[in-house]
Amino acid sequence: MDKPSTLPTPSGFSRRMSVLDRIFSELGRAVQVLDGSVHAGRPNPAGKPPLSADESAALSQAEQKHAAGLMRVNHVGEICAQALYRGQALFCRDASIRQVLHRAAAEEVDHLVWCRDRLHELQSRPSLLNPLWYAGSFSLGVLASRAGVGKNLGFMAETEKQVEQHLDRHLSDLPAADTRSRDIVTQMRDDEISHRNTAETHGAHKLPKPVQLAMKAMSKVMTTTAYRL
């Protein structure tokens, strides 16, 4: 049976979290994600940052700009993933599935931080539209959370499948000399495969083809826009 979420009280007892409590908690989390104050739980797969700001000298100006555009897209993807999974967990009544979603969201925080750090190394910035990406993805997650566990997990599995394909394309498209970005993207892809497998193991339902195509179309709009903005 699903256990209600609780909050500790000064007296040491716990009280049940209301919907309003959870919404305010998610607003606080959104601020942390968007202002860059979240921290990774795992080391950066690219290793320690370079000692010199000239590390990117191995890349031409055009290559550096292109790599930054791709990593900005990846950073936006992690903003969306964080918002999506937390939205999916918000109204999910199955405590074990909420745990699956929150665990995936925690790993997406690692990706978020790694991409942000790499953007800084490439002397670039995150997308200016991140608040919009977060709000839209969170809303989609909330809708999925009300569709039942099977479809909720199906949405997670299909998202990860498309992200995996997207990251494979980036590994082909990143400049050969940009090993730091490649190391980050490779670990991200491996984690996304694990998330997809977890969703499928827990009973994900295959989404209808029109839904899959709609998700691809929305992803195309996001990646095209985020590369520049």
C-alpha atoms as a PDB file:
ATOM      1  CA  MET A   1       0.000   0.000   0.000  1.00  0.00           C
ATOM      2  CA  ASP A   2       1.210   3.507  -0.824  1.00  0.00           C
ATOM      3  CA  LYS A   3       2.528   5.424   2.187  1.00  0.00           C
ATOM      4  CA  PRO A   4       1.731   9.141   2.443  1.00  0.00           C
ATOM      5  CA  SER A   5       4.593  11.616   2.159  1.00  0.00           C
ATOM      6  CA  THR A   6       5.465  13.185   5.469  1.00  0.00           C
ATOM      7  CA  LEU A   7       7.290  16.210   6.846  1.00  0.00           C
ATOM      8  CA  PRO A   8       9.150  16.297  10.199  1.00  0.00           C
ATOM      9  CA  THR A   9       7.787  18.670  12.856  1.00  0.00           C
ATOM     10  CA  PRO A  10       9.651  20.442  15.709  1.00  0.00           C
ATOM     11  CA  SER A  11       8.178  17.963  18.202  1.00  0.00           C
ATOM     12  CA  GLY A  12       9.780  15.051  16.347  1.00  0.00           C
ATOM     13  CA  PHE A  13       6.498  13.739  14.949  1.00  0.00           C
ATOM     14  CA  SER A  14       5.752  13.617  11.248  1.00  0.00           C
ATOM     15  CA  ARG A  15       2.764  15.027   9.445  1.00  0.00           C
ATOM     16  CA  ARG A  16       1.377  14.126   6.080  1.00  0.00           C
ATOM     17  CA  MET A  17       2.476  16.358   3.207  1.00  0.00           C
ATOM     18  CA  SER A  18      -0.486  17.978   1.524  1.00  0.00           C
ATOM     19  CA  VAL A  19      -0.658  18.577  -2.214  1.00  0.00           C
ATOM     20  CA  LEU A  20       0.159  22.225  -1.497  1.00  0.00           C
ATOM     21  CA  ASP A  21       3.252  21.188   0.492  1.00  0.00           C
ATOM     22  CA  ARG A  22       4.460  19.086  -2.416  1.00  0.00           C
ATOM     23  CA  ILE A  23       3.811  21.859  -4.933  1.00  0.00           C
ATOM     24  CA  PHE A  24       5.799  24.364  -2.843  1.00  0.00           C
ATOM     25  CA  SER A  25       8.572  21.782  -2.491  1.00  0.00           C
ATOM     26  CA  GLU A  26       8.677  21.385  -6.283  1.00  0.00           C
ATOM     27  CA  LEU A  27       8.786  25.161  -6.755  1.00  0.00           C
ATOM     28  CA  GLY A  28      11.801  25.315  -4.467  1.00  0.00           C
ATOM     29  CA  ARG A  29      13.459  22.512  -6.394  1.00  0.00           C
ATOM     30  CA  ALA A  30      12.782  24.275  -9.692  1.00  0.00           C
ATOM     31  CA  VAL A  31      14.543  27.400  -8.413  1.00  0.00           C
ATOM     32  CA  GLN A  32      17.575  25.342  -7.386  1.00  0.00           C
ATOM     33  CA  VAL A  33      17.751  23.621 -10.767  1.00  0.00           C
ATOM     34  CA  LEU A  34      17.370  26.843 -12.723  1.00  0.00           C
ATOM     35  CA  ASP A  35      19.798  28.950 -10.677  1.00  0.00           C
ATOM     36  CA  GLY A  36      22.508  26.285 -10.817  1.00  0.00           C
ATOM     37  CA  SER A  37      22.704  25.665  -7.062  1.00  0.00           C
ATOM     38  CA  VAL A  38      22.189  21.886  -7.323  1.00  0.00           C
ATOM     39  CA  HIS A  39      25.257  19.664  -6.916  1.00  0.00           C
ATOM     40  CA  ALA A  40      26.289  16.423  -8.582  1.00  0.00           C
ATOM     41  CA  GLY A  41      26.389  13.290  -6.470  1.00  0.00           C
ATOM     42  CA  ARG A  42      29.029  11.645  -8.671  1.00  0.00           C
ATOM     43  CA  PRO A  43      32.386  12.853 -10.015  1.00  0.00           C
ATOM     44  CA  ASN A  44      32.486  14.373 -13.473  1.00  0.00           C
ATOM     45  CA  PRO A  45      33.324  11.531 -15.928  1.00  0.00           C
ATOM     46  CA  ALA A  46      35.610  13.952 -17.787  1.00  0.00           C
ATOM     47  CA  GLY A  47      37.783  14.225 -14.682  1.00  0.00           C
ATOM     48  CA  LYS A  48      39.001  17.358 -12.974  1.00  0.00           C
ATOM     49  CA  PRO A  49      38.604  20.653 -14.850  1.00  0.00           C
ATOM     50  CA  PRO A  50      41.638  21.835 -16.832  1.00  0.00           C
ATOM     51  CA  LEU A  51      44.159  23.962 -14.959  1.00  0.00           C
ATOM     52  CA  SER A  52      44.310  26.468 -17.781  1.00  0.00           C
ATOM     53  CA  ALA A  53      41.545  28.408 -19.483  1.00  0.00           C
ATOM     54  CA  ASP A  54      43.416  27.620 -22.713  1.00  0.00           C
ATOM     55  CA  GLU A  55      42.341  23.944 -22.566  1.00  0.00           C
ATOM     56  CA  SER A  56      39.899  24.561 -25.406  1.00  0.00           C
ATOM     57  CA  ALA A  57      42.769  25.805 -27.621  1.00  0.00           C
ATOM     58  CA  ALA A  58      42.842  22.343 -29.195  1.00  0.00           C
ATOM     59  CA  LEU A  59      39.508  23.249 -30.748  1.00  0.00           C
ATOM     60  CA  SER A  60      39.122  25.812 -33.493  1.00  0.00           C
ATOM     61  CA  GLN A  61      36.781  28.711 -32.797  1.00  0.00           C
ATOM     62  CA  ALA A  62      34.105  27.095 -34.965  1.00  0.00           C
ATOM     63  CA  GLU A  63      34.535  23.726 -33.214  1.00  0.00           C
ATOM     64  CA  GLN A  64      34.324  25.332 -29.791  1.00  0.00           C
ATOM     65  CA  LYS A  65      31.144  27.175 -30.744  1.00  0.00           C
ATOM     66  CA  HIS A  66      29.622  23.992 -32.183  1.00  0.00           C
ATOM     67  CA  ALA A  67      30.564  21.915 -29.109  1.00  0.00           C
ATOM     68  CA  ALA A  68      29.047  24.601 -26.860  1.00  0.00           C
ATOM     69  CA  GLY A  69      25.832  24.540 -28.877  1.00  0.00           C
ATOM     70  CA  LEU A  70      25.573  20.758 -28.539  1.00  0.00           C
ATOM     71  CA  MET A  71      26.322  20.829 -24.805  1.00  0.00           C
ATOM     72  CA  ARG A  72      23.738  23.602 -24.359  1.00  0.00           C
ATOM     73  CA  VAL A  73      21.197  21.310 -26.013  1.00  0.00           C
ATOM     74  CA  ASN A  74      22.237  18.519 -23.650  1.00  0.00           C
ATOM     75  CA  HIS A  75      21.950  20.850 -20.665  1.00  0.00           C
ATOM     76  CA  VAL A  76      18.423  21.783 -21.734  1.00  0.00           C
ATOM     77  CA  GLY A  77      17.650  18.086 -22.095  1.00  0.00           C
ATOM     78  CA  GLU A  78      18.656  17.580 -18.466  1.00  0.00           C
ATOM     79  CA  ILE A  79      16.574  20.573 -17.364  1.00  0.00           C
ATOM     80  CA  CYS A  80      13.631  18.908 -19.108  1.00  0.00           C
ATOM     81  CA  ALA A  81      14.392  15.469 -17.672  1.00  0.00           C
ATOM     82  CA  GLN A  82      14.618  16.836 -14.150  1.00  0.00           C
ATOM     83  CA  ALA A  83      11.296  18.636 -14.525  1.00  0.00           C
ATOM     84  CA  LEU A  84       9.638  15.724 -16.323  1.00  0.00           C
ATOM     85  CA  TYR A  85      10.475  13.069 -13.737  1.00  0.00           C
ATOM     86  CA  ARG A  86       9.579  15.244 -10.785  1.00  0.00           C
ATOM     87  CA  GLY A  87       6.279  16.102 -12.467  1.00  0.00           C
ATOM     88  CA  GLN A  88       5.656  12.407 -13.117  1.00  0.00           C
ATOM     89  CA  ALA A  89       6.311  11.610  -9.461  1.00  0.00           C
ATOM     90  CA  LEU A  90       4.096  14.387  -8.087  1.00  0.00           C
ATOM     91  CA  PHE A  91       0.731  12.604  -8.381  1.00  0.00           C
ATOM     92  CA  CYS A  92       1.970   9.032  -8.768  1.00  0.00           C
ATOM     93  CA  ARG A  93       0.196   6.958  -6.107  1.00  0.00           C
ATOM     94  CA  ASP A  94       2.642   4.056  -6.147  1.00  0.00           C
ATOM     95  CA  ALA A  95       5.450   4.774  -3.659  1.00  0.00           C
ATOM     96  CA  SER A  96       7.881   2.328  -5.310  1.00  0.00           C
ATOM     97  CA  ILE A  97       7.403   3.976  -8.718  1.00  0.00           C
ATOM     98  CA  ARG A  98       7.822   7.435  -7.186  1.00  0.00           C
ATOM     99  CA  GLN A  99      11.139   6.159  -5.854  1.00  0.00           C
ATOM    100  CA  VAL A 100      12.154   5.002  -9.343  1.00  0.00           C
ATOM    101  CA  LEU A 101      11.323   8.430 -10.771  1.00  0.00           C
ATOM    102  CA  HIS A 102      13.101  10.350  -8.000  1.00  0.00           C
ATOM    103  CA  ARG A 103      16.192   8.145  -8.339  1.00  0.00           C
ATOM    104  CA  ALA A 104      16.312   8.818 -12.089  1.00  0.00           C
ATOM    105  CA  ALA A 105      15.821  12.542 -11.431  1.00  0.00           C
ATOM    106  CA  ALA A 106      18.775  12.495  -9.015  1.00  0.00           C
ATOM    107  CA  GLU A 107      21.037  11.021 -11.702  1.00  0.00           C
ATOM    108  CA  GLU A 108      19.769  13.629 -14.163  1.00  0.00           C
ATOM    109  CA  VAL A 109      21.026  16.265 -11.703  1.00  0.00           C
ATOM    110  CA  ASP A 110      24.521  14.843 -12.186  1.00  0.00           C
ATOM    111  CA  HIS A 111      24.124  15.228 -15.952  1.00  0.00           C
ATOM    112  CA  LEU A 112      22.817  18.757 -15.478  1.00  0.00           C
ATOM    113  CA  VAL A 113      25.848  19.816 -13.454  1.00  0.00           C
ATOM    114  CA  TRP A 114      28.344  18.124 -15.784  1.00  0.00           C
ATOM    115  CA  CYS A 115      26.836  19.856 -18.833  1.00  0.00           C
ATOM    116  CA  ARG A 116      26.764  23.212 -17.061  1.00  0.00           C
ATOM    117  CA  ASP A 117      30.414  22.844 -16.057  1.00  0.00           C
ATOM    118  CA  ARG A 118      31.403  21.915 -19.606  1.00  0.00           C
ATOM    119  CA  LEU A 119      29.563  24.948 -20.978  1.00  0.00           C
ATOM    120  CA  HIS A 120      31.570  27.118 -18.605  1.00  0.00           C
ATOM    121  CA  GLU A 121      34.811  25.493 -19.792  1.00  0.00           C
ATOM    122  CA  LEU A 122      33.786  26.207 -23.386  1.00  0.00           C
ATOM    123  CA  GLN A 123      33.194  29.847 -22.382  1.00  0.00           C
ATOM    124  CA  SER A 124      29.504  29.615 -23.154  1.00  0.00           C
ATOM    125  CA  ARG A 125      26.192  29.737 -21.257  1.00  0.00           C
ATOM    126  CA  PRO A 126      23.010  27.703 -20.675  1.00  0.00           C
ATOM    127  CA  SER A 127      19.863  28.330 -22.691  1.00  0.00           C
ATOM    128  CA  LEU A 128      18.080  31.622 -22.029  1.00  0.00           C
ATOM    129  CA  LEU A 129      14.772  29.731 -22.233  1.00  0.00           C
ATOM    130  CA  ASN A 130      15.464  27.265 -19.408  1.00  0.00           C
ATOM    131  CA  PRO A 131      12.511  28.441 -17.252  1.00  0.00           C
ATOM    132  CA  LEU A 132      10.192  27.800 -20.207  1.00  0.00           C
ATOM    133  CA  TRP A 133      11.689  24.353 -20.845  1.00  0.00           C
ATOM    134  CA  TYR A 134      11.327  23.433 -17.177  1.00  0.00           C
ATOM    135  CA  ALA A 135       7.717  24.609 -16.891  1.00  0.00           C
ATOM    136  CA  GLY A 136       6.648  22.819 -20.069  1.00  0.00           C
ATOM    137  CA  SER A 137       8.338  19.544 -19.134  1.00  0.00           C
ATOM    138  CA  PHE A 138       6.994  19.595 -15.588  1.00  0.00           C
ATOM    139  CA  SER A 139       3.470  20.080 -16.945  1.00  0.00           C
ATOM    140  CA  LEU A 140       3.913  17.102 -19.284  1.00  0.00           C
ATOM    141  CA  GLY A 141       5.163  15.041 -16.356  1.00  0.00           C
ATOM    142  CA  VAL A 142       2.117  15.916 -14.282  1.00  0.00           C
ATOM    143  CA  LEU A 143      -0.165  14.817 -17.128  1.00  0.00           C
ATOM    144  CA  ALA A 144       1.725  11.530 -17.412  1.00  0.00           C
ATOM    145  CA  SER A 145       1.487  10.976 -13.649  1.00  0.00           C
ATOM    146  CA  ARG A 146      -2.323  10.977 -13.911  1.00  0.00           C
ATOM    147  CA  ALA A 147      -2.386   8.400 -16.721  1.00  0.00           C
ATOM    148  CA  GLY A 148      -1.638   5.376 -14.544  1.00  0.00           C
ATOM    149  CA  VAL A 149       1.603   3.613 -13.621  1.00  0.00           C
ATOM    150  CA  GLY A 150       2.019   1.666 -16.888  1.00  0.00           C
ATOM    151  CA  LYS A 151       1.660   4.722 -19.126  1.00  0.00           C
ATOM    152  CA  ASN A 152       3.662   6.885 -16.718  1.00  0.00           C
ATOM    153  CA  LEU A 153       6.576   4.457 -16.951  1.00  0.00           C
ATOM    154  CA  GLY A 154       5.963   4.106 -20.693  1.00  0.00           C
ATOM    155  CA  PHE A 155       6.503   7.840 -21.032  1.00  0.00           C
ATOM    156  CA  MET A 156       9.766   7.503 -19.104  1.00  0.00           C
ATOM    157  CA  ALA A 157      10.939   4.580 -21.257  1.00  0.00           C
ATOM    158  CA  GLU A 158      10.120   6.335 -24.545  1.00  0.00           C
ATOM    159  CA  THR A 159      11.773   9.554 -23.360  1.00  0.00           C
ATOM    160  CA  GLU A 160      14.965   7.695 -22.491  1.00  0.00           C
ATOM    161  CA  LYS A 161      14.909   5.791 -25.792  1.00  0.00           C
ATOM    162  CA  GLN A 162      14.746   9.048 -27.752  1.00  0.00           C
ATOM    163  CA  VAL A 163      17.390  10.707 -25.562  1.00  0.00           C
ATOM    164  CA  GLU A 164      19.702   7.723 -26.092  1.00  0.00           C
ATOM    165  CA  GLN A 165      19.364   8.146 -29.877  1.00  0.00           C
ATOM    166  CA  HIS A 166      19.935  11.882 -29.552  1.00  0.00           C
ATOM    167  CA  LEU A 167      23.125  11.388 -27.488  1.00  0.00           C
ATOM    168  CA  ASP A 168      24.443   8.851 -30.005  1.00  0.00           C
ATOM    169  CA  ARG A 169      24.068  11.514 -32.693  1.00  0.00           C
ATOM    170  CA  HIS A 170      25.945  14.013 -30.541  1.00  0.00           C
ATOM    171  CA  LEU A 171      28.802  11.565 -30.023  1.00  0.00           C
ATOM    172  CA  SER A 172      29.116  11.411 -33.808  1.00  0.00           C
ATOM    173  CA  ASP A 173      28.775  15.169 -34.193  1.00  0.00           C
ATOM    174  CA  LEU A 174      31.079  16.479 -31.435  1.00  0.00           C
ATOM    175  CA  PRO A 175      34.567  17.547 -32.574  1.00  0.00           C
ATOM    176  CA  ALA A 176      36.995  14.627 -32.366  1.00  0.00           C
ATOM    177  CA  ALA A 177      39.356  16.671 -30.183  1.00  0.00           C
ATOM    178  CA  ASP A 178      36.648  17.453 -27.615  1.00  0.00           C
ATOM    179  CA  THR A 179      37.281  14.446 -25.402  1.00  0.00           C
ATOM    180  CA  ARG A 180      35.856  16.081 -22.278  1.00  0.00           C
ATOM    181  CA  SER A 181      32.418  16.594 -23.826  1.00  0.00           C
ATOM    182  CA  ARG A 182      32.568  13.070 -25.271  1.00  0.00           C
ATOM    183  CA  ASP A 183      33.310  11.526 -21.873  1.00  0.00           C
ATOM    184  CA  ILE A 184      30.341  13.349 -20.332  1.00  0.00           C
ATOM    185  CA  VAL A 185      27.923  12.465 -23.122  1.00  0.00           C
ATOM    186  CA  THR A 186      29.013   8.805 -23.063  1.00  0.00           C
ATOM    187  CA  GLN A 187      28.230   8.490 -19.340  1.00  0.00           C
ATOM    188  CA  MET A 188      24.934  10.288 -19.827  1.00  0.00           C
ATOM    189  CA  ARG A 189      23.953   7.852 -22.581  1.00  0.00           C
ATOM    190  CA  ASP A 190      24.824   4.858 -20.405  1.00  0.00           C
ATOM    191  CA  ASP A 191      22.687   6.243 -17.571  1.00  0.00           C
ATOM    192  CA  GLU A 192      19.745   6.877 -19.904  1.00  0.00           C
ATOM    193  CA  ILE A 193      19.905   3.266 -21.111  1.00  0.00           C
ATOM    194  CA  SER A 194      19.783   2.149 -17.481  1.00  0.00           C
ATOM    195  CA  HIS A 195      16.762   4.383 -16.812  1.00  0.00           C
ATOM    196  CA  ARG A 196      14.933   2.950 -19.816  1.00  0.00           C
ATOM    197  CA  ASN A 197      15.668  -0.592 -18.708  1.00  0.00           C
ATOM    198  CA  THR A 198      14.434   0.210 -15.203  1.00  0.00           C
ATOM    199  CA  ALA A 199      11.156   1.634 -16.533  1.00  0.00           C
ATOM    200  CA  GLU A 200      10.595  -1.419 -18.725  1.00  0.00           C
ATOM    201  CA  THR A 201      11.407  -3.807 -15.870  1.00  0.00           C
ATOM    202  CA  HIS A 202       8.813  -2.088 -13.662  1.00  0.00           C
ATOM    203  CA  GLY A 203       6.034  -2.517 -16.228  1.00  0.00           C
ATOM    204  CA  ALA A 204       6.242   0.319 -18.754  1.00  0.00           C
ATOM    205  CA  HIS A 205       3.536   0.229 -21.417  1.00  0.00           C
ATOM    206  CA  LYS A 206       4.532   0.953 -25.018  1.00  0.00           C
ATOM    207  CA  LEU A 207       3.149   4.326 -26.052  1.00  0.00           C
ATOM    208  CA  PRO A 208       0.981   4.676 -29.190  1.00  0.00           C
ATOM    209  CA  LYS A 209       2.864   5.665 -32.346  1.00  0.00           C
ATOM    210  CA  PRO A 210       1.234   9.120 -32.608  1.00  0.00           C
ATOM    211  CA  VAL A 211       2.435   9.938 -29.078  1.00  0.00           C
ATOM    212  CA  GLN A 212       5.957   8.806 -29.938  1.00  0.00           C
ATOM    213  CA  LEU A 213       5.962  10.983 -33.057  1.00  0.00           C
ATOM    214  CA  ALA A 214       4.623  13.974 -31.127  1.00  0.00           C
ATOM    215  CA  MET A 215       7.416  13.567 -28.575  1.00  0.00           C
ATOM    216  CA  LYS A 216      10.004  13.491 -31.387  1.00  0.00           C
ATOM    217  CA  ALA A 217       8.537  16.639 -32.931  1.00  0.00           C
ATOM    218  CA  MET A 218       8.641  18.487 -29.603  1.00  0.00           C
ATOM    219  CA  SER A 219      12.221  17.316 -29.060  1.00  0.00           C
ATOM    220  CA  LYS A 220      13.200  18.631 -32.499  1.00  0.00           C
ATOM    221  CA  VAL A 221      11.829  22.081 -31.668  1.00  0.00           C
ATOM    222  CA  MET A 222      13.687  22.106 -28.356  1.00  0.00           C
ATOM    223  CA  THR A 223      17.059  20.977 -29.752  1.00  0.00           C
ATOM    224  CA  THR A 224      16.941  23.376 -32.712  1.00  0.00           C
ATOM    225  CA  THR A 225      16.097  26.340 -30.485  1.00  0.00           C
ATOM    226  CA  ALA A 226      18.444  25.485 -27.612  1.00  0.00           C
ATOM    227  CA  TYR A 227      21.462  25.138 -29.932  1.00  0.00           C
ATOM    228  CA  ARG A 228      21.295  28.906 -30.504  1.00  0.00           C
ATOM    229  CA  LEU A 229      19.392  30.251 -27.507  1.00  0.00           C
END
